[in-house]
Amino acid sequence: MPEHDPAEGVERNRALGAAVVLLDGRTLAAERATRRGRSTDALGAVLITSALMLAVYTIVEDNRPAAPSDSRC
């Protein structure tokens, strides 16, 4: 099995990052031009944030060990 050179991955990531930055500017400029006059969807932001917080809370609480029961009857 050939050795993996970590420098190759770094160079590949730099090239990919540069391409994303260059293309992103064009995409955002076009998006801004089509969205003039629209406001931020504050209600949608609050709802999605609340839903994600509830999902994370549920997962975290479900993984906690249960408290020992008190069976002194």
PDB file of N, CA and C in Angstrom:
ATOM      1  N   MET A   1       0.847  -1.178   0.000  1.00  0.00           N
ATOM      2  CA  MET A   1       0.000   0.000   0.000  1.00  0.00           C
ATOM      3  C   MET A   1       0.892   1.240   0.000  1.00  0.00           C
ATOM      4  N   PRO A   2       0.681   2.175  -0.941  1.00  0.00           N
ATOM      5  CA  PRO A   2       1.546   3.356  -1.024  1.00  0.00           C
ATOM      6  C   PRO A   2       1.294   4.305   0.151  1.00  0.00           C
ATOM      7  N   GLU A   3       2.360   5.016   0.516  1.00  0.00           N
ATOM      8  CA  GLU A   3       2.266   6.009   1.587  1.00  0.00           C
ATOM      9  C   GLU A   3       1.419   7.200   1.122  1.00  0.00           C
ATOM     10  N   HIS A   4       0.654   7.736   2.024  1.00  0.00           N
ATOM     11  CA  HIS A   4      -0.182   8.910   1.722  1.00  0.00           C
ATOM     12  C   HIS A   4       0.585  10.157   2.141  1.00  0.00           C
ATOM     13  N   ASP A   5       0.746  11.077   1.207  1.00  0.00           N
ATOM     14  CA  ASP A   5       1.442  12.328   1.491  1.00  0.00           C
ATOM     15  C   ASP A   5       0.422  13.375   1.925  1.00  0.00           C
ATOM     16  N   PRO A   6       0.462  13.827   3.189  1.00  0.00           N
ATOM     17  CA  PRO A   6      -0.514  14.821   3.668  1.00  0.00           C
ATOM     18  C   PRO A   6      -0.464  16.138   2.906  1.00  0.00           C
ATOM     19  N   ALA A   7       0.687  16.461   2.332  1.00  0.00           N
ATOM     20  CA  ALA A   7       0.811  17.722   1.589  1.00  0.00           C
ATOM     21  C   ALA A   7      -0.089  17.726   0.353  1.00  0.00           C
ATOM     22  N   GLU A   8      -0.319  16.558  -0.238  1.00  0.00           N
ATOM     23  CA  GLU A   8      -1.206  16.489  -1.402  1.00  0.00           C
ATOM     24  C   GLU A   8      -2.617  16.928  -1.041  1.00  0.00           C
ATOM     25  N   GLY A   9      -3.100  16.479   0.102  1.00  0.00           N
ATOM     26  CA  GLY A   9      -4.437  16.853   0.545  1.00  0.00           C
ATOM     27  C   GLY A   9      -4.559  18.337   0.810  1.00  0.00           C
ATOM     28  N   VAL A  10      -3.511  18.921   1.379  1.00  0.00           N
ATOM     29  CA  VAL A  10      -3.530  20.357   1.676  1.00  0.00           C
ATOM     30  C   VAL A  10      -3.596  21.154   0.384  1.00  0.00           C
ATOM     31  N   GLU A  11      -2.781  20.775  -0.595  1.00  0.00           N
ATOM     32  CA  GLU A  11      -2.781  21.492  -1.874  1.00  0.00           C
ATOM     33  C   GLU A  11      -4.128  21.351  -2.579  1.00  0.00           C
ATOM     34  N   ARG A  12      -4.708  20.167  -2.515  1.00  0.00           N
ATOM     35  CA  ARG A  12      -6.014  19.938  -3.135  1.00  0.00           C
ATOM     36  C   ARG A  12      -7.076  20.793  -2.450  1.00  0.00           C
ATOM     37  N   ASN A  13      -7.020  20.867  -1.112  1.00  0.00           N
ATOM     38  CA  ASN A  13      -7.988  21.682  -0.378  1.00  0.00           C
ATOM     39  C   ASN A  13      -7.833  23.161  -0.680  1.00  0.00           C
ATOM     40  N   ARG A  14      -6.601  23.623  -0.832  1.00  0.00           N
ATOM     41  CA  ARG A  14      -6.374  25.036  -1.179  1.00  0.00           C
ATOM     42  C   ARG A  14      -6.975  25.366  -2.534  1.00  0.00           C
ATOM     43  N   ALA A  15      -6.754  24.487  -3.493  1.00  0.00           N
ATOM     44  CA  ALA A  15      -7.291  24.724  -4.840  1.00  0.00           C
ATOM     45  C   ALA A  15      -8.818  24.728  -4.813  1.00  0.00           C
ATOM     46  N   LEU A  16      -9.392  23.792  -4.097  1.00  0.00           N
ATOM     47  CA  LEU A  16     -10.848  23.727  -3.990  1.00  0.00           C
ATOM     48  C   LEU A  16     -11.389  24.966  -3.281  1.00  0.00           C
ATOM     49  N   GLY A  17     -10.733  25.384  -2.211  1.00  0.00           N
ATOM     50  CA  GLY A  17     -11.150  26.581  -1.481  1.00  0.00           C
ATOM     51  C   GLY A  17     -11.098  27.827  -2.351  1.00  0.00           C
ATOM     52  N   ALA A  18     -10.037  27.960  -3.143  1.00  0.00           N
ATOM     53  CA  ALA A  18      -9.910  29.112  -4.033  1.00  0.00           C
ATOM     54  C   ALA A  18     -11.034  29.121  -5.071  1.00  0.00           C
ATOM     55  N   ALA A  19     -11.361  27.955  -5.615  1.00  0.00           N
ATOM     56  CA  ALA A  19     -12.442  27.877  -6.602  1.00  0.00           C
ATOM     57  C   ALA A  19     -13.778  28.257  -5.975  1.00  0.00           C
ATOM     58  N   VAL A  20     -14.021  27.807  -4.747  1.00  0.00           N
ATOM     59  CA  VAL A  20     -15.278  28.134  -4.069  1.00  0.00           C
ATOM     60  C   VAL A  20     -15.378  29.632  -3.823  1.00  0.00           C
ATOM     61  N   VAL A  21     -14.296  30.246  -3.378  1.00  0.00           N
ATOM     62  CA  VAL A  21     -14.310  31.692  -3.109  1.00  0.00           C
ATOM     63  C   VAL A  21     -14.583  32.469  -4.395  1.00  0.00           C
ATOM     64  N   LEU A  22     -13.958  32.085  -5.482  1.00  0.00           N
ATOM     65  CA  LEU A  22     -14.165  32.789  -6.747  1.00  0.00           C
ATOM     66  C   LEU A  22     -15.596  32.637  -7.257  1.00  0.00           C
ATOM     67  N   LEU A  23     -16.124  31.441  -7.200  1.00  0.00           N
ATOM     68  CA  LEU A  23     -17.478  31.206  -7.702  1.00  0.00           C
ATOM     69  C   LEU A  23     -18.539  31.752  -6.755  1.00  0.00           C
ATOM     70  N   ASP A  24     -18.246  31.777  -5.475  1.00  0.00           N
ATOM     71  CA  ASP A  24     -19.204  32.235  -4.479  1.00  0.00           C
ATOM     72  C   ASP A  24     -19.542  33.714  -4.665  1.00  0.00           C
ATOM     73  N   GLY A  25     -18.563  34.514  -4.988  1.00  0.00           N
ATOM     74  CA  GLY A  25     -18.810  35.937  -5.204  1.00  0.00           C
ATOM     75  C   GLY A  25     -19.815  36.184  -6.318  1.00  0.00           C
ATOM     76  N   ARG A  26     -19.698  35.440  -7.382  1.00  0.00           N
ATOM     77  CA  ARG A  26     -20.637  35.589  -8.498  1.00  0.00           C
ATOM     78  C   ARG A  26     -22.034  35.132  -8.102  1.00  0.00           C
ATOM     79  N   THR A  27     -22.102  34.025  -7.408  1.00  0.00           N
ATOM     80  CA  THR A  27     -23.405  33.480  -7.013  1.00  0.00           C
ATOM     81  C   THR A  27     -24.110  34.419  -6.047  1.00  0.00           C
ATOM     82  N   LEU A  28     -23.368  34.930  -5.056  1.00  0.00           N
ATOM     83  CA  LEU A  28     -23.978  35.834  -4.094  1.00  0.00           C
ATOM     84  C   LEU A  28     -24.418  37.141  -4.735  1.00  0.00           C
ATOM     85  N   ALA A  29     -23.645  37.658  -5.671  1.00  0.00           N
ATOM     86  CA  ALA A  29     -24.031  38.896  -6.347  1.00  0.00           C
ATOM     87  C   ALA A  29     -25.323  38.692  -7.131  1.00  0.00           C
ATOM     88  N   ALA A  30     -25.451  37.570  -7.801  1.00  0.00           N
ATOM     89  CA  ALA A  30     -26.674  37.279  -8.550  1.00  0.00           C
ATOM     90  C   ALA A  30     -27.853  37.084  -7.605  1.00  0.00           C
ATOM     91  N   GLU A  31     -27.608  36.437  -6.478  1.00  0.00           N
ATOM     92  CA  GLU A  31     -28.666  36.210  -5.490  1.00  0.00           C
ATOM     93  C   GLU A  31     -29.144  37.530  -4.895  1.00  0.00           C
ATOM     94  N   ARG A  32     -28.217  38.417  -4.572  1.00  0.00           N
ATOM     95  CA  ARG A  32     -28.599  39.717  -4.007  1.00  0.00           C
ATOM     96  C   ARG A  32     -29.431  40.528  -4.991  1.00  0.00           C
ATOM     97  N   ALA A  33     -29.092  40.440  -6.271  1.00  0.00           N
ATOM     98  CA  ALA A  33     -29.817  41.196  -7.285  1.00  0.00           C
ATOM     99  C   ALA A  33     -31.260  40.709  -7.401  1.00  0.00           C
ATOM    100  N   THR A  34     -31.490  39.426  -7.223  1.00  0.00           N
ATOM    101  CA  THR A  34     -32.848  38.904  -7.362  1.00  0.00           C
ATOM    102  C   THR A  34     -33.658  39.052  -6.078  1.00  0.00           C
ATOM    103  N   ARG A  35     -33.016  39.304  -4.939  1.00  0.00           N
ATOM    104  CA  ARG A  35     -33.722  39.359  -3.665  1.00  0.00           C
ATOM    105  C   ARG A  35     -33.919  40.786  -3.157  1.00  0.00           C
ATOM    106  N   ARG A  36     -33.688  41.765  -3.940  1.00  0.00           N
ATOM    107  CA  ARG A  36     -33.850  43.144  -3.472  1.00  0.00           C
ATOM    108  C   ARG A  36     -35.285  43.368  -2.999  1.00  0.00           C
ATOM    109  N   GLY A  37     -35.431  44.014  -1.860  1.00  0.00           N
ATOM    110  CA  GLY A  37     -36.742  44.318  -1.343  1.00  0.00           C
ATOM    111  C   GLY A  37     -37.295  43.258  -0.406  1.00  0.00           C
ATOM    112  N   ARG A  38     -36.684  42.101  -0.325  1.00  0.00           N
ATOM    113  CA  ARG A  38     -37.156  41.056   0.588  1.00  0.00           C
ATOM    114  C   ARG A  38     -36.455  41.206   1.925  1.00  0.00           C
ATOM    115  N   SER A  39     -37.177  40.907   2.984  1.00  0.00           N
ATOM    116  CA  SER A  39     -36.576  40.996   4.313  1.00  0.00           C
ATOM    117  C   SER A  39     -36.186  39.609   4.804  1.00  0.00           C
ATOM    118  N   THR A  40     -35.451  39.595   5.881  1.00  0.00           N
ATOM    119  CA  THR A  40     -35.039  38.331   6.481  1.00  0.00           C
ATOM    120  C   THR A  40     -36.251  37.638   7.090  1.00  0.00           C
ATOM    121  N   ASP A  41     -36.292  36.346   6.976  1.00  0.00           N
ATOM    122  CA  ASP A  41     -37.384  35.552   7.522  1.00  0.00           C
ATOM    123  C   ASP A  41     -37.074  35.244   8.984  1.00  0.00           C
ATOM    124  N   ALA A  42     -37.390  36.183   9.865  1.00  0.00           N
ATOM    125  CA  ALA A  42     -37.075  36.037  11.283  1.00  0.00           C
ATOM    126  C   ALA A  42     -37.853  34.883  11.907  1.00  0.00           C
ATOM    127  N   LEU A  43     -39.110  34.747  11.569  1.00  0.00           N
ATOM    128  CA  LEU A  43     -39.913  33.665  12.125  1.00  0.00           C
ATOM    129  C   LEU A  43     -39.340  32.308  11.714  1.00  0.00           C
ATOM    130  N   GLY A  44     -38.964  32.169  10.471  1.00  0.00           N
ATOM    131  CA  GLY A  44     -38.362  30.923  10.008  1.00  0.00           C
ATOM    132  C   GLY A  44     -37.056  30.620  10.728  1.00  0.00           C
ATOM    133  N   ALA A  45     -36.246  31.644  10.957  1.00  0.00           N
ATOM    134  CA  ALA A  45     -34.976  31.456  11.671  1.00  0.00           C
ATOM    135  C   ALA A  45     -35.228  30.995  13.100  1.00  0.00           C
ATOM    136  N   VAL A  46     -36.202  31.594  13.768  1.00  0.00           N
ATOM    137  CA  VAL A  46     -36.528  31.202  15.146  1.00  0.00           C
ATOM    138  C   VAL A  46     -37.057  29.778  15.187  1.00  0.00           C
ATOM    139  N   LEU A  47     -37.930  29.421  14.252  1.00  0.00           N
ATOM    140  CA  LEU A  47     -38.510  28.083  14.236  1.00  0.00           C
ATOM    141  C   LEU A  47     -37.464  27.001  13.969  1.00  0.00           C
ATOM    142  N   ILE A  48     -36.588  27.219  13.004  1.00  0.00           N
ATOM    143  CA  ILE A  48     -35.588  26.195  12.697  1.00  0.00           C
ATOM    144  C   ILE A  48     -34.571  26.082  13.820  1.00  0.00           C
ATOM    145  N   THR A  49     -34.205  27.197  14.436  1.00  0.00           N
ATOM    146  CA  THR A  49     -33.279  27.151  15.571  1.00  0.00           C
ATOM    147  C   THR A  49     -33.895  26.405  16.739  1.00  0.00           C
ATOM    148  N   SER A  50     -35.154  26.674  17.019  1.00  0.00           N
ATOM    149  CA  SER A  50     -35.849  25.977  18.112  1.00  0.00           C
ATOM    150  C   SER A  50     -35.949  24.480  17.834  1.00  0.00           C
ATOM    151  N   ALA A  51     -36.255  24.115  16.610  1.00  0.00           N
ATOM    152  CA  ALA A  51     -36.377  22.697  16.258  1.00  0.00           C
ATOM    153  C   ALA A  51     -35.040  21.978  16.411  1.00  0.00           C
ATOM    154  N   LEU A  52     -33.965  22.615  15.973  1.00  0.00           N
ATOM    155  CA  LEU A  52     -32.646  22.003  16.105  1.00  0.00           C
ATOM    156  C   LEU A  52     -32.232  21.884  17.561  1.00  0.00           C
ATOM    157  N   MET A  53     -32.526  22.906  18.364  1.00  0.00           N
ATOM    158  CA  MET A  53     -32.199  22.844  19.792  1.00  0.00           C
ATOM    159  C   MET A  53     -32.972  21.717  20.469  1.00  0.00           C
ATOM    160  N   LEU A  54     -34.237  21.558  20.135  1.00  0.00           N
ATOM    161  CA  LEU A  54     -35.048  20.492  20.712  1.00  0.00           C
ATOM    162  C   LEU A  54     -34.515  19.122  20.309  1.00  0.00           C
ATOM    163  N   ALA A  55     -34.112  18.979  19.064  1.00  0.00           N
ATOM    164  CA  ALA A  55     -33.568  17.700  18.596  1.00  0.00           C
ATOM    165  C   ALA A  55     -32.278  17.356  19.337  1.00  0.00           C
ATOM    166  N   VAL A  56     -31.384  18.324  19.479  1.00  0.00           N
ATOM    167  CA  VAL A  56     -30.124  18.078  20.184  1.00  0.00           C
ATOM    168  C   VAL A  56     -30.390  17.771  21.648  1.00  0.00           C
ATOM    169  N   TYR A  57     -31.261  18.522  22.285  1.00  0.00           N
ATOM    170  CA  TYR A  57     -31.591  18.293  23.692  1.00  0.00           C
ATOM    171  C   TYR A  57     -32.153  16.888  23.893  1.00  0.00           C
ATOM    172  N   THR A  58     -33.028  16.464  22.992  1.00  0.00           N
ATOM    173  CA  THR A  58     -33.631  15.139  23.091  1.00  0.00           C
ATOM    174  C   THR A  58     -32.565  14.048  22.973  1.00  0.00           C
ATOM    175  N   ILE A  59     -31.658  14.193  22.048  1.00  0.00           N
ATOM    176  CA  ILE A  59     -30.604  13.202  21.858  1.00  0.00           C
ATOM    177  C   ILE A  59     -29.688  13.160  23.076  1.00  0.00           C
ATOM    178  N   VAL A  60     -29.307  14.314  23.591  1.00  0.00           N
ATOM    179  CA  VAL A  60     -28.398  14.364  24.735  1.00  0.00           C
ATOM    180  C   VAL A  60     -29.066  13.787  25.975  1.00  0.00           C
ATOM    181  N   GLU A  61     -30.297  14.158  26.225  1.00  0.00           N
ATOM    182  CA  GLU A  61     -30.996  13.661  27.410  1.00  0.00           C
ATOM    183  C   GLU A  61     -31.270  12.161  27.313  1.00  0.00           C
ATOM    184  N   ASP A  62     -31.480  11.647  26.125  1.00  0.00           N
ATOM    185  CA  ASP A  62     -31.761  10.229  25.943  1.00  0.00           C
ATOM    186  C   ASP A  62     -30.530   9.378  26.250  1.00  0.00           C
ATOM    187  N   ASN A  63     -29.339   9.940  26.083  1.00  0.00           N
ATOM    188  CA  ASN A  63     -28.102   9.193  26.300  1.00  0.00           C
ATOM    189  C   ASN A  63     -27.621   9.225  27.747  1.00  0.00           C
ATOM    190  N   ARG A  64     -28.268   9.965  28.607  1.00  0.00           N
ATOM    191  CA  ARG A  64     -27.856   9.999  30.012  1.00  0.00           C
ATOM    192  C   ARG A  64     -28.283   8.717  30.710  1.00  0.00           C
ATOM    193  N   PRO A  65     -27.466   8.251  31.627  1.00  0.00           N
ATOM    194  CA  PRO A  65     -27.869   7.043  32.354  1.00  0.00           C
ATOM    195  C   PRO A  65     -29.058   7.334  33.266  1.00  0.00           C
ATOM    196  N   ALA A  66     -29.907   6.365  33.408  1.00  0.00           N
ATOM    197  CA  ALA A  66     -31.091   6.525  34.244  1.00  0.00           C
ATOM    198  C   ALA A  66     -30.676   6.530  35.719  1.00  0.00           C
ATOM    199  N   ALA A  67     -31.411   7.270  36.502  1.00  0.00           N
ATOM    200  CA  ALA A  67     -31.144   7.316  37.936  1.00  0.00           C
ATOM    201  C   ALA A  67     -31.562   5.997  38.577  1.00  0.00           C
ATOM    202  N   PRO A  68     -30.807   5.541  39.552  1.00  0.00           N
ATOM    203  CA  PRO A  68     -31.189   4.286  40.208  1.00  0.00           C
ATOM    204  C   PRO A  68     -32.512   4.449  40.920  1.00  0.00           C
ATOM    205  N   SER A  69     -33.350   3.440  40.844  1.00  0.00           N
ATOM    206  CA  SER A  69     -34.661   3.534  41.467  1.00  0.00           C
ATOM    207  C   SER A  69     -34.537   3.258  42.963  1.00  0.00           C
ATOM    208  N   ASP A  70     -35.405   3.858  43.730  1.00  0.00           N
ATOM    209  CA  ASP A  70     -35.419   3.672  45.170  1.00  0.00           C
ATOM    210  C   ASP A  70     -36.463   2.606  45.493  1.00  0.00           C
ATOM    211  N   SER A  71     -36.010   1.403  45.757  1.00  0.00           N
ATOM    212  CA  SER A  71     -36.944   0.295  45.981  1.00  0.00           C
ATOM    213  C   SER A  71     -37.014  -0.091  47.462  1.00  0.00           C
ATOM    214  N   ARG A  72     -37.163   0.905  48.340  1.00  0.00           N
ATOM    215  CA  ARG A  72     -37.281   0.647  49.788  1.00  0.00           C
ATOM    216  C   ARG A  72     -38.754   0.596  50.167  1.00  0.00           C
ATOM    217  N   CYS A  73     -39.441  -0.366  49.815  1.00  0.00           N
ATOM    218  CA  CYS A  73     -40.854  -0.470  50.162  1.00  0.00           C
ATOM    219  C   CYS A  73     -41.102  -1.486  51.210  1.00  0.00           C
TER     220      CYS A  73
END
